[in-house]
Amino acid sequence: MDSGRTLRLARRRRGLTQRQLAARSGVPQSAIARIESGRVTPRVDSLDRLLRFCGETLESRPARGVGVDRSLIREMLRLSPTERLKSASIEANHLARLLRSAR
């Protein structure tokens, strides 16, 4: 993540200048400029605080593709369309039985 770019975009979306953000947040304008230029990497809590003054939050999300077992996908793609349909039918029957037993 590019914290400087993130802060700059959030500030601009809010229509704030660096001076206005500094006045609202109590962080010196020069510090905001150093963060936005990439000369300084802020602590997570500092970046989150500045983003909140811009009406945004810092949020963590799983990276795309992390935790995906691609071997199962490859295995299914090796099957012919007919074999995939048969496998899907079998799995649908298993799911239906499971749902019936849960009632």
PDB file of N, CA and C in Angstrom:
ATOM      1  N   MET A   1       0.840  -1.170   0.000  1.00  0.00           N
ATOM      2  CA  MET A   1       0.000   0.000   0.000  1.00  0.00           C
ATOM      3  C   MET A   1       0.890   1.238   0.000  1.00  0.00           C
ATOM      4  N   ASP A   2       0.554   2.195  -0.789  1.00  0.00           N
ATOM      5  CA  ASP A   2       1.259   3.467  -0.839  1.00  0.00           C
ATOM      6  C   ASP A   2       0.503   4.447   0.054  1.00  0.00           C
ATOM      7  N   SER A   3       0.984   4.607   1.281  1.00  0.00           N
ATOM      8  CA  SER A   3       0.258   5.427   2.259  1.00  0.00           C
ATOM      9  C   SER A   3       0.164   6.880   1.831  1.00  0.00           C
ATOM     10  N   GLY A   4       1.216   7.404   1.202  1.00  0.00           N
ATOM     11  CA  GLY A   4       1.180   8.800   0.749  1.00  0.00           C
ATOM     12  C   GLY A   4       0.114   9.031  -0.303  1.00  0.00           C
ATOM     13  N   ARG A   5       0.058   8.132  -1.251  1.00  0.00           N
ATOM     14  CA  ARG A   5      -0.943   8.252  -2.327  1.00  0.00           C
ATOM     15  C   ARG A   5      -2.355   8.086  -1.762  1.00  0.00           C
ATOM     16  N   THR A   6      -2.505   7.154  -0.841  1.00  0.00           N
ATOM     17  CA  THR A   6      -3.801   6.917  -0.211  1.00  0.00           C
ATOM     18  C   THR A   6      -4.294   8.167   0.497  1.00  0.00           C
ATOM     19  N   LEU A   7      -3.411   8.794   1.274  1.00  0.00           N
ATOM     20  CA  LEU A   7      -3.786  10.014   1.995  1.00  0.00           C
ATOM     21  C   LEU A   7      -4.097  11.152   1.037  1.00  0.00           C
ATOM     22  N   ARG A   8      -3.260  11.341   0.031  1.00  0.00           N
ATOM     23  CA  ARG A   8      -3.479  12.428  -0.931  1.00  0.00           C
ATOM     24  C   ARG A   8      -4.828  12.282  -1.641  1.00  0.00           C
ATOM     25  N   LEU A   9      -5.136  11.061  -2.091  1.00  0.00           N
ATOM     26  CA  LEU A   9      -6.416  10.842  -2.783  1.00  0.00           C
ATOM     27  C   LEU A   9      -7.601  11.066  -1.847  1.00  0.00           C
ATOM     28  N   ALA A  10      -7.494  10.595  -0.609  1.00  0.00           N
ATOM     29  CA  ALA A  10      -8.582  10.788   0.356  1.00  0.00           C
ATOM     30  C   ALA A  10      -8.787  12.271   0.642  1.00  0.00           C
ATOM     31  N   ARG A  11      -7.689  12.987   0.810  1.00  0.00           N
ATOM     32  CA  ARG A  11      -7.770  14.428   1.093  1.00  0.00           C
ATOM     33  C   ARG A  11      -8.415  15.168  -0.077  1.00  0.00           C
ATOM     34  N   ARG A  12      -8.005  14.830  -1.276  1.00  0.00           N
ATOM     35  CA  ARG A  12      -8.574  15.494  -2.462  1.00  0.00           C
ATOM     36  C   ARG A  12     -10.050  15.149  -2.658  1.00  0.00           C
ATOM     37  N   ARG A  13     -10.418  13.881  -2.397  1.00  0.00           N
ATOM     38  CA  ARG A  13     -11.838  13.507  -2.511  1.00  0.00           C
ATOM     39  C   ARG A  13     -12.690  14.331  -1.559  1.00  0.00           C
ATOM     40  N   ARG A  14     -12.134  14.664  -0.403  1.00  0.00           N
ATOM     41  CA  ARG A  14     -12.850  15.462   0.593  1.00  0.00           C
ATOM     42  C   ARG A  14     -12.799  16.957   0.259  1.00  0.00           C
ATOM     43  N   GLY A  15     -11.955  17.314  -0.730  1.00  0.00           N
ATOM     44  CA  GLY A  15     -11.849  18.716  -1.138  1.00  0.00           C
ATOM     45  C   GLY A  15     -11.029  19.551  -0.166  1.00  0.00           C
ATOM     46  N   LEU A  16     -10.084  18.918   0.510  1.00  0.00           N
ATOM     47  CA  LEU A  16      -9.262  19.618   1.490  1.00  0.00           C
ATOM     48  C   LEU A  16      -7.873  19.913   0.942  1.00  0.00           C
ATOM     49  N   THR A  17      -7.311  21.034   1.358  1.00  0.00           N
ATOM     50  CA  THR A  17      -5.912  21.308   1.093  1.00  0.00           C
ATOM     51  C   THR A  17      -5.108  20.682   2.228  1.00  0.00           C
ATOM     52  N   GLN A  18      -3.807  20.619   2.046  1.00  0.00           N
ATOM     53  CA  GLN A  18      -2.965  20.109   3.124  1.00  0.00           C
ATOM     54  C   GLN A  18      -3.104  20.995   4.369  1.00  0.00           C
ATOM     55  N   ARG A  19      -3.186  22.302   4.171  1.00  0.00           N
ATOM     56  CA  ARG A  19      -3.333  23.231   5.309  1.00  0.00           C
ATOM     57  C   ARG A  19      -4.641  22.988   6.065  1.00  0.00           C
ATOM     58  N   GLN A  20      -5.722  22.761   5.310  1.00  0.00           N
ATOM     59  CA  GLN A  20      -7.011  22.518   5.956  1.00  0.00           C
ATOM     60  C   GLN A  20      -6.987  21.214   6.752  1.00  0.00           C
ATOM     61  N   LEU A  21      -6.396  20.174   6.182  1.00  0.00           N
ATOM     62  CA  LEU A  21      -6.288  18.901   6.890  1.00  0.00           C
ATOM     63  C   LEU A  21      -5.422  19.069   8.139  1.00  0.00           C
ATOM     64  N   ALA A  22      -4.347  19.831   8.008  1.00  0.00           N
ATOM     65  CA  ALA A  22      -3.471  20.081   9.156  1.00  0.00           C
ATOM     66  C   ALA A  22      -4.225  20.798  10.271  1.00  0.00           C
ATOM     67  N   ALA A  23      -5.012  21.797   9.911  1.00  0.00           N
ATOM     68  CA  ALA A  23      -5.766  22.557  10.915  1.00  0.00           C
ATOM     69  C   ALA A  23      -6.795  21.680  11.619  1.00  0.00           C
ATOM     70  N   ARG A  24      -7.452  20.816  10.882  1.00  0.00           N
ATOM     71  CA  ARG A  24      -8.480  19.939  11.465  1.00  0.00           C
ATOM     72  C   ARG A  24      -7.876  18.833  12.324  1.00  0.00           C
ATOM     73  N   SER A  25      -6.733  18.305  11.884  1.00  0.00           N
ATOM     74  CA  SER A  25      -6.169  17.134  12.555  1.00  0.00           C
ATOM     75  C   SER A  25      -5.131  17.466  13.621  1.00  0.00           C
ATOM     76  N   GLY A  26      -4.595  18.667  13.547  1.00  0.00           N
ATOM     77  CA  GLY A  26      -3.543  19.031  14.495  1.00  0.00           C
ATOM     78  C   GLY A  26      -2.172  18.522  14.084  1.00  0.00           C
ATOM     79  N   VAL A  27      -2.080  17.941  12.896  1.00  0.00           N
ATOM     80  CA  VAL A  27      -0.806  17.457  12.367  1.00  0.00           C
ATOM     81  C   VAL A  27      -0.220  18.576  11.509  1.00  0.00           C
ATOM     82  N   PRO A  28       1.037  18.905  11.694  1.00  0.00           N
ATOM     83  CA  PRO A  28       1.618  19.991  10.898  1.00  0.00           C
ATOM     84  C   PRO A  28       1.506  19.727   9.391  1.00  0.00           C
ATOM     85  N   GLN A  29       1.269  20.796   8.642  1.00  0.00           N
ATOM     86  CA  GLN A  29       1.139  20.684   7.186  1.00  0.00           C
ATOM     87  C   GLN A  29       2.401  20.087   6.583  1.00  0.00           C
ATOM     88  N   SER A  30       3.553  20.425   7.129  1.00  0.00           N
ATOM     89  CA  SER A  30       4.810  19.893   6.603  1.00  0.00           C
ATOM     90  C   SER A  30       4.888  18.366   6.773  1.00  0.00           C
ATOM     91  N   ALA A  31       4.321  17.851   7.857  1.00  0.00           N
ATOM     92  CA  ALA A  31       4.301  16.397   8.067  1.00  0.00           C
ATOM     93  C   ALA A  31       3.378  15.726   7.054  1.00  0.00           C
ATOM     94  N   ILE A  32       2.248  16.348   6.786  1.00  0.00           N
ATOM     95  CA  ILE A  32       1.315  15.809   5.781  1.00  0.00           C
ATOM     96  C   ILE A  32       1.987  15.794   4.417  1.00  0.00           C
ATOM     97  N   ALA A  33       2.715  16.870   4.100  1.00  0.00           N
ATOM     98  CA  ALA A  33       3.422  16.947   2.817  1.00  0.00           C
ATOM     99  C   ALA A  33       4.476  15.843   2.717  1.00  0.00           C
ATOM    100  N   ARG A  34       5.201  15.576   3.795  1.00  0.00           N
ATOM    101  CA  ARG A  34       6.226  14.525   3.774  1.00  0.00           C
ATOM    102  C   ARG A  34       5.594  13.145   3.586  1.00  0.00           C
ATOM    103  N   ILE A  35       4.443  12.922   4.216  1.00  0.00           N
ATOM    104  CA  ILE A  35       3.743  11.643   4.058  1.00  0.00           C
ATOM    105  C   ILE A  35       3.287  11.475   2.616  1.00  0.00           C
ATOM    106  N   GLU A  36       2.626  12.511   2.084  1.00  0.00           N
ATOM    107  CA  GLU A  36       2.083  12.425   0.729  1.00  0.00           C
ATOM    108  C   GLU A  36       3.171  12.284  -0.327  1.00  0.00           C
ATOM    109  N   SER A  37       4.354  12.848  -0.074  1.00  0.00           N
ATOM    110  CA  SER A  37       5.442  12.749  -1.055  1.00  0.00           C
ATOM    111  C   SER A  37       6.196  11.426  -0.953  1.00  0.00           C
ATOM    112  N   GLY A  38       5.923  10.659   0.111  1.00  0.00           N
ATOM    113  CA  GLY A  38       6.582   9.376   0.279  1.00  0.00           C
ATOM    114  C   GLY A  38       7.904   9.472   1.013  1.00  0.00           C
ATOM    115  N   ARG A  39       8.266  10.657   1.493  1.00  0.00           N
ATOM    116  CA  ARG A  39       9.521  10.801   2.231  1.00  0.00           C
ATOM    117  C   ARG A  39       9.424  10.212   3.630  1.00  0.00           C
ATOM    118  N   VAL A  40       8.196  10.105   4.152  1.00  0.00           N
ATOM    119  CA  VAL A  40       7.965   9.559   5.484  1.00  0.00           C
ATOM    120  C   VAL A  40       6.858   8.521   5.380  1.00  0.00           C
ATOM    121  N   THR A  41       7.034   7.405   6.063  1.00  0.00           N
ATOM    122  CA  THR A  41       5.977   6.403   6.148  1.00  0.00           C
ATOM    123  C   THR A  41       5.339   6.542   7.528  1.00  0.00           C
ATOM    124  N   PRO A  42       4.049   6.904   7.566  1.00  0.00           N
ATOM    125  CA  PRO A  42       3.402   7.120   8.858  1.00  0.00           C
ATOM    126  C   PRO A  42       3.100   5.809   9.570  1.00  0.00           C
ATOM    127  N   ARG A  43       2.957   5.884  10.884  1.00  0.00           N
ATOM    128  CA  ARG A  43       2.476   4.724  11.633  1.00  0.00           C
ATOM    129  C   ARG A  43       1.029   4.483  11.219  1.00  0.00           C
ATOM    130  N   VAL A  44       0.584   3.269  11.387  1.00  0.00           N
ATOM    131  CA  VAL A  44      -0.780   2.896  10.983  1.00  0.00           C
ATOM    132  C   VAL A  44      -1.810   3.765  11.706  1.00  0.00           C
ATOM    133  N   ASP A  45      -1.636   3.971  13.007  1.00  0.00           N
ATOM    134  CA  ASP A  45      -2.615   4.766  13.739  1.00  0.00           C
ATOM    135  C   ASP A  45      -2.622   6.214  13.273  1.00  0.00           C
ATOM    136  N   SER A  46      -1.469   6.744  12.883  1.00  0.00           N
ATOM    137  CA  SER A  46      -1.411   8.123  12.384  1.00  0.00           C
ATOM    138  C   SER A  46      -2.121   8.249  11.039  1.00  0.00           C
ATOM    139  N   LEU A  47      -1.871   7.292  10.153  1.00  0.00           N
ATOM    140  CA  LEU A  47      -2.531   7.310   8.848  1.00  0.00           C
ATOM    141  C   LEU A  47      -4.038   7.157   9.019  1.00  0.00           C
ATOM    142  N   ASP A  48      -4.450   6.245   9.882  1.00  0.00           N
ATOM    143  CA  ASP A  48      -5.883   6.039  10.121  1.00  0.00           C
ATOM    144  C   ASP A  48      -6.526   7.319  10.643  1.00  0.00           C
ATOM    145  N   ARG A  49      -5.851   7.998  11.551  1.00  0.00           N
ATOM    146  CA  ARG A  49      -6.384   9.246  12.116  1.00  0.00           C
ATOM    147  C   ARG A  49      -6.544  10.311  11.024  1.00  0.00           C
ATOM    148  N   LEU A  50      -5.531  10.478  10.179  1.00  0.00           N
ATOM    149  CA  LEU A  50      -5.618  11.466   9.098  1.00  0.00           C
ATOM    150  C   LEU A  50      -6.731  11.108   8.107  1.00  0.00           C
ATOM    151  N   LEU A  51      -6.837   9.824   7.789  1.00  0.00           N
ATOM    152  CA  LEU A  51      -7.892   9.399   6.859  1.00  0.00           C
ATOM    153  C   LEU A  51      -9.281   9.669   7.439  1.00  0.00           C
ATOM    154  N   ARG A  52      -9.441   9.490   8.743  1.00  0.00           N
ATOM    155  CA  ARG A  52     -10.737   9.757   9.382  1.00  0.00           C
ATOM    156  C   ARG A  52     -11.123  11.232   9.260  1.00  0.00           C
ATOM    157  N   PHE A  53     -10.140  12.120   9.324  1.00  0.00           N
ATOM    158  CA  PHE A  53     -10.418  13.545   9.131  1.00  0.00           C
ATOM    159  C   PHE A  53     -10.814  13.839   7.687  1.00  0.00           C
ATOM    160  N   CYS A  54     -10.497  12.913   6.796  1.00  0.00           N
ATOM    161  CA  CYS A  54     -10.906  13.030   5.388  1.00  0.00           C
ATOM    162  C   CYS A  54     -12.215  12.289   5.131  1.00  0.00           C
ATOM    163  N   GLY A  55     -12.804  11.729   6.185  1.00  0.00           N
ATOM    164  CA  GLY A  55     -14.062  11.004   6.032  1.00  0.00           C
ATOM    165  C   GLY A  55     -13.895   9.581   5.542  1.00  0.00           C
ATOM    166  N   GLU A  56     -12.703   9.031   5.685  1.00  0.00           N
ATOM    167  CA  GLU A  56     -12.440   7.670   5.228  1.00  0.00           C
ATOM    168  C   GLU A  56     -11.799   6.865   6.349  1.00  0.00           C
ATOM    169  N   THR A  57     -11.684   5.556   6.139  1.00  0.00           N
ATOM    170  CA  THR A  57     -11.062   4.699   7.134  1.00  0.00           C
ATOM    171  C   THR A  57     -10.008   3.823   6.487  1.00  0.00           C
ATOM    172  N   LEU A  58      -9.125   3.344   7.314  1.00  0.00           N
ATOM    173  CA  LEU A  58      -8.118   2.393   6.876  1.00  0.00           C
ATOM    174  C   LEU A  58      -8.658   1.011   7.196  1.00  0.00           C
ATOM    175  N   GLU A  59      -8.710   0.159   6.194  1.00  0.00           N
ATOM    176  CA  GLU A  59      -9.349  -1.141   6.359  1.00  0.00           C
ATOM    177  C   GLU A  59      -8.476  -2.240   5.785  1.00  0.00           C
ATOM    178  N   SER A  60      -8.467  -3.375   6.440  1.00  0.00           N
ATOM    179  CA  SER A  60      -7.697  -4.516   5.972  1.00  0.00           C
ATOM    180  C   SER A  60      -8.639  -5.518   5.307  1.00  0.00           C
ATOM    181  N   ARG A  61      -8.241  -6.003   4.131  1.00  0.00           N
ATOM    182  CA  ARG A  61      -9.016  -7.021   3.423  1.00  0.00           C
ATOM    183  C   ARG A  61      -8.071  -8.105   2.943  1.00  0.00           C
ATOM    184  N   PRO A  62      -8.549  -9.335   2.845  1.00  0.00           N
ATOM    185  CA  PRO A  62      -7.686 -10.404   2.324  1.00  0.00           C
ATOM    186  C   PRO A  62      -7.262 -10.102   0.885  1.00  0.00           C
ATOM    187  N   ALA A  63      -6.039 -10.426   0.564  1.00  0.00           N
ATOM    188  CA  ALA A  63      -5.549 -10.236  -0.799  1.00  0.00           C
ATOM    189  C   ALA A  63      -6.242 -11.237  -1.716  1.00  0.00           C
ATOM    190  N   ARG A  64      -6.463 -10.833  -2.929  1.00  0.00           N
ATOM    191  CA  ARG A  64      -7.107 -11.723  -3.895  1.00  0.00           C
ATOM    192  C   ARG A  64      -6.265 -12.961  -4.114  1.00  0.00           C
ATOM    193  N   GLY A  65      -6.925 -14.109  -4.146  1.00  0.00           N
ATOM    194  CA  GLY A  65      -6.258 -15.359  -4.442  1.00  0.00           C
ATOM    195  C   GLY A  65      -5.585 -16.014  -3.255  1.00  0.00           C
ATOM    196  N   VAL A  66      -5.489 -15.309  -2.140  1.00  0.00           N
ATOM    197  CA  VAL A  66      -4.855 -15.889  -0.961  1.00  0.00           C
ATOM    198  C   VAL A  66      -5.829 -16.864  -0.323  1.00  0.00           C
ATOM    199  N   GLY A  67      -5.360 -18.058  -0.049  1.00  0.00           N
ATOM    200  CA  GLY A  67      -6.203 -19.064   0.581  1.00  0.00           C
ATOM    201  C   GLY A  67      -7.024 -19.890  -0.395  1.00  0.00           C
ATOM    202  N   VAL A  68      -6.838 -19.677  -1.678  1.00  0.00           N
ATOM    203  CA  VAL A  68      -7.575 -20.441  -2.681  1.00  0.00           C
ATOM    204  C   VAL A  68      -6.750 -21.661  -3.068  1.00  0.00           C
ATOM    205  N   ASP A  69      -7.351 -22.839  -2.955  1.00  0.00           N
ATOM    206  CA  ASP A  69      -6.669 -24.071  -3.329  1.00  0.00           C
ATOM    207  C   ASP A  69      -6.850 -24.270  -4.829  1.00  0.00           C
ATOM    208  N   ARG A  70      -5.876 -23.842  -5.579  1.00  0.00           N
ATOM    209  CA  ARG A  70      -5.960 -23.914  -7.036  1.00  0.00           C
ATOM    210  C   ARG A  70      -5.836 -25.345  -7.566  1.00  0.00           C
ATOM    211  N   SER A  71      -5.321 -26.262  -6.764  1.00  0.00           N
ATOM    212  CA  SER A  71      -5.173 -27.645  -7.237  1.00  0.00           C
ATOM    213  C   SER A  71      -6.537 -28.257  -7.511  1.00  0.00           C
ATOM    214  N   LEU A  72      -7.537 -27.941  -6.681  1.00  0.00           N
ATOM    215  CA  LEU A  72      -8.885 -28.473  -6.926  1.00  0.00           C
ATOM    216  C   LEU A  72      -9.487 -27.896  -8.203  1.00  0.00           C
ATOM    217  N   ILE A  73      -9.208 -26.626  -8.466  1.00  0.00           N
ATOM    218  CA  ILE A  73      -9.709 -25.997  -9.689  1.00  0.00           C
ATOM    219  C   ILE A  73      -9.072 -26.662 -10.904  1.00  0.00           C
ATOM    220  N   ARG A  74      -7.744 -26.843 -10.845  1.00  0.00           N
ATOM    221  CA  ARG A  74      -7.047 -27.497 -11.965  1.00  0.00           C
ATOM    222  C   ARG A  74      -7.563 -28.913 -12.208  1.00  0.00           C
ATOM    223  N   GLU A  75      -7.817 -29.615 -11.117  1.00  0.00           N
ATOM    224  CA  GLU A  75      -8.320 -30.982 -11.218  1.00  0.00           C
ATOM    225  C   GLU A  75      -9.677 -31.004 -11.935  1.00  0.00           C
ATOM    226  N   MET A  76     -10.549 -30.092 -11.576  1.00  0.00           N
ATOM    227  CA  MET A  76     -11.870 -30.040 -12.227  1.00  0.00           C
ATOM    228  C   MET A  76     -11.753 -29.646 -13.704  1.00  0.00           C
ATOM    229  N   LEU A  77     -10.812 -28.760 -14.014  1.00  0.00           N
ATOM    230  CA  LEU A  77     -10.660 -28.326 -15.405  1.00  0.00           C
ATOM    231  C   LEU A  77     -10.094 -29.428 -16.302  1.00  0.00           C
ATOM    232  N   ARG A  78      -9.443 -30.399 -15.697  1.00  0.00           N
ATOM    233  CA  ARG A  78      -8.933 -31.531 -16.480  1.00  0.00           C
ATOM    234  C   ARG A  78     -10.062 -32.463 -16.934  1.00  0.00           C
ATOM    235  N   LEU A  79     -11.191 -32.402 -16.257  1.00  0.00           N
ATOM    236  CA  LEU A  79     -12.330 -33.255 -16.604  1.00  0.00           C
ATOM    237  C   LEU A  79     -13.018 -32.727 -17.858  1.00  0.00           C
ATOM    238  N   SER A  80     -13.656 -33.632 -18.567  1.00  0.00           N
ATOM    239  CA  SER A  80     -14.450 -33.214 -19.728  1.00  0.00           C
ATOM    240  C   SER A  80     -15.733 -32.563 -19.212  1.00  0.00           C
ATOM    241  N   PRO A  81     -16.435 -31.809 -20.050  1.00  0.00           N
ATOM    242  CA  PRO A  81     -17.693 -31.202 -19.606  1.00  0.00           C
ATOM    243  C   PRO A  81     -18.691 -32.229 -19.085  1.00  0.00           C
ATOM    244  N   THR A  82     -18.737 -33.397 -19.716  1.00  0.00           N
ATOM    245  CA  THR A  82     -19.645 -34.458 -19.273  1.00  0.00           C
ATOM    246  C   THR A  82     -19.265 -34.955 -17.884  1.00  0.00           C
ATOM    247  N   GLU A  83     -17.962 -35.125 -17.659  1.00  0.00           N
ATOM    248  CA  GLU A  83     -17.496 -35.579 -16.344  1.00  0.00           C
ATOM    249  C   GLU A  83     -17.772 -34.523 -15.268  1.00  0.00           C
ATOM    250  N   ARG A  84     -17.605 -33.255 -15.630  1.00  0.00           N
ATOM    251  CA  ARG A  84     -17.895 -32.176 -14.669  1.00  0.00           C
ATOM    252  C   ARG A  84     -19.371 -32.155 -14.306  1.00  0.00           C
ATOM    253  N   LEU A  85     -20.227 -32.358 -15.300  1.00  0.00           N
ATOM    254  CA  LEU A  85     -21.673 -32.372 -15.053  1.00  0.00           C
ATOM    255  C   LEU A  85     -22.053 -33.536 -14.147  1.00  0.00           C
ATOM    256  N   LYS A  86     -21.458 -34.685 -14.396  1.00  0.00           N
ATOM    257  CA  LYS A  86     -21.739 -35.850 -13.557  1.00  0.00           C
ATOM    258  C   LYS A  86     -21.279 -35.589 -12.120  1.00  0.00           C
ATOM    259  N   SER A  87     -20.102 -34.998 -11.956  1.00  0.00           N
ATOM    260  CA  SER A  87     -19.583 -34.679 -10.625  1.00  0.00           C
ATOM    261  C   SER A  87     -20.490 -33.676  -9.916  1.00  0.00           C
ATOM    262  N   ALA A  88     -20.951 -32.667 -10.637  1.00  0.00           N
ATOM    263  CA  ALA A  88     -21.847 -31.664 -10.056  1.00  0.00           C
ATOM    264  C   ALA A  88     -23.155 -32.304  -9.618  1.00  0.00           C
ATOM    265  N   SER A  89     -23.662 -33.248 -10.416  1.00  0.00           N
ATOM    266  CA  SER A  89     -24.903 -33.942 -10.085  1.00  0.00           C
ATOM    267  C   SER A  89     -24.733 -34.756  -8.804  1.00  0.00           C
ATOM    268  N   ILE A  90     -23.609 -35.443  -8.691  1.00  0.00           N
ATOM    269  CA  ILE A  90     -23.337 -36.243  -7.486  1.00  0.00           C
ATOM    270  C   ILE A  90     -23.251 -35.333  -6.263  1.00  0.00           C
ATOM    271  N   GLU A  91     -22.542 -34.225  -6.399  1.00  0.00           N
ATOM    272  CA  GLU A  91     -22.404 -33.286  -5.276  1.00  0.00           C
ATOM    273  C   GLU A  91     -23.749 -32.661  -4.898  1.00  0.00           C
ATOM    274  N   ALA A  92     -24.592 -32.403  -5.885  1.00  0.00           N
ATOM    275  CA  ALA A  92     -25.926 -31.854  -5.612  1.00  0.00           C
ATOM    276  C   ALA A  92     -26.748 -32.855  -4.810  1.00  0.00           C
ATOM    277  N   ASN A  93     -26.643 -34.143  -5.158  1.00  0.00           N
ATOM    278  CA  ASN A  93     -27.353 -35.179  -4.408  1.00  0.00           C
ATOM    279  C   ASN A  93     -26.853 -35.260  -2.973  1.00  0.00           C
ATOM    280  N   HIS A  94     -25.542 -35.160  -2.789  1.00  0.00           N
ATOM    281  CA  HIS A  94     -24.963 -35.183  -1.438  1.00  0.00           C
ATOM    282  C   HIS A  94     -25.485 -34.001  -0.622  1.00  0.00           C
ATOM    283  N   LEU A  95     -25.522 -32.825  -1.240  1.00  0.00           N
ATOM    284  CA  LEU A  95     -26.006 -31.630  -0.557  1.00  0.00           C
ATOM    285  C   LEU A  95     -27.482 -31.750  -0.192  1.00  0.00           C
ATOM    286  N   ALA A  96     -28.266 -32.296  -1.100  1.00  0.00           N
ATOM    287  CA  ALA A  96     -29.695 -32.481  -0.826  1.00  0.00           C
ATOM    288  C   ALA A  96     -29.898 -33.423   0.360  1.00  0.00           C
ATOM    289  N   ARG A  97     -29.128 -34.522   0.411  1.00  0.00           N
ATOM    290  CA  ARG A  97     -29.234 -35.447   1.538  1.00  0.00           C
ATOM    291  C   ARG A  97     -28.820 -34.778   2.858  1.00  0.00           C
ATOM    292  N   LEU A  98     -27.780 -33.993   2.795  1.00  0.00           N
ATOM    293  CA  LEU A  98     -27.309 -33.286   3.975  1.00  0.00           C
ATOM    294  C   LEU A  98     -28.367 -32.303   4.482  1.00  0.00           C
ATOM    295  N   LEU A  99     -28.981 -31.589   3.572  1.00  0.00           N
ATOM    296  CA  LEU A  99     -30.026 -30.630   3.955  1.00  0.00           C
ATOM    297  C   LEU A  99     -31.244 -31.342   4.555  1.00  0.00           C
ATOM    298  N   ARG A 100     -31.614 -32.496   3.968  1.00  0.00           N
ATOM    299  CA  ARG A 100     -32.742 -33.261   4.496  1.00  0.00           C
ATOM    300  C   ARG A 100     -32.440 -33.754   5.908  1.00  0.00           C
ATOM    301  N   SER A 101     -31.231 -34.200   6.132  1.00  0.00           N
ATOM    302  CA  SER A 101     -30.885 -34.738   7.460  1.00  0.00           C
ATOM    303  C   SER A 101     -30.782 -33.624   8.503  1.00  0.00           C
ATOM    304  N   ALA A 102     -30.561 -32.407   8.066  1.00  0.00           N
ATOM    305  CA  ALA A 102     -30.455 -31.284   9.008  1.00  0.00           C
ATOM    306  C   ALA A 102     -31.826 -30.814   9.487  1.00  0.00           C
ATOM    307  N   ARG A 103     -32.873 -31.191   8.807  1.00  0.00           N
ATOM    308  CA  ARG A 103     -34.225 -30.743   9.175  1.00  0.00           C
ATOM    309  C   ARG A 103     -34.782 -31.504  10.315  1.00  0.00           C
TER     310      ARG A 103
END
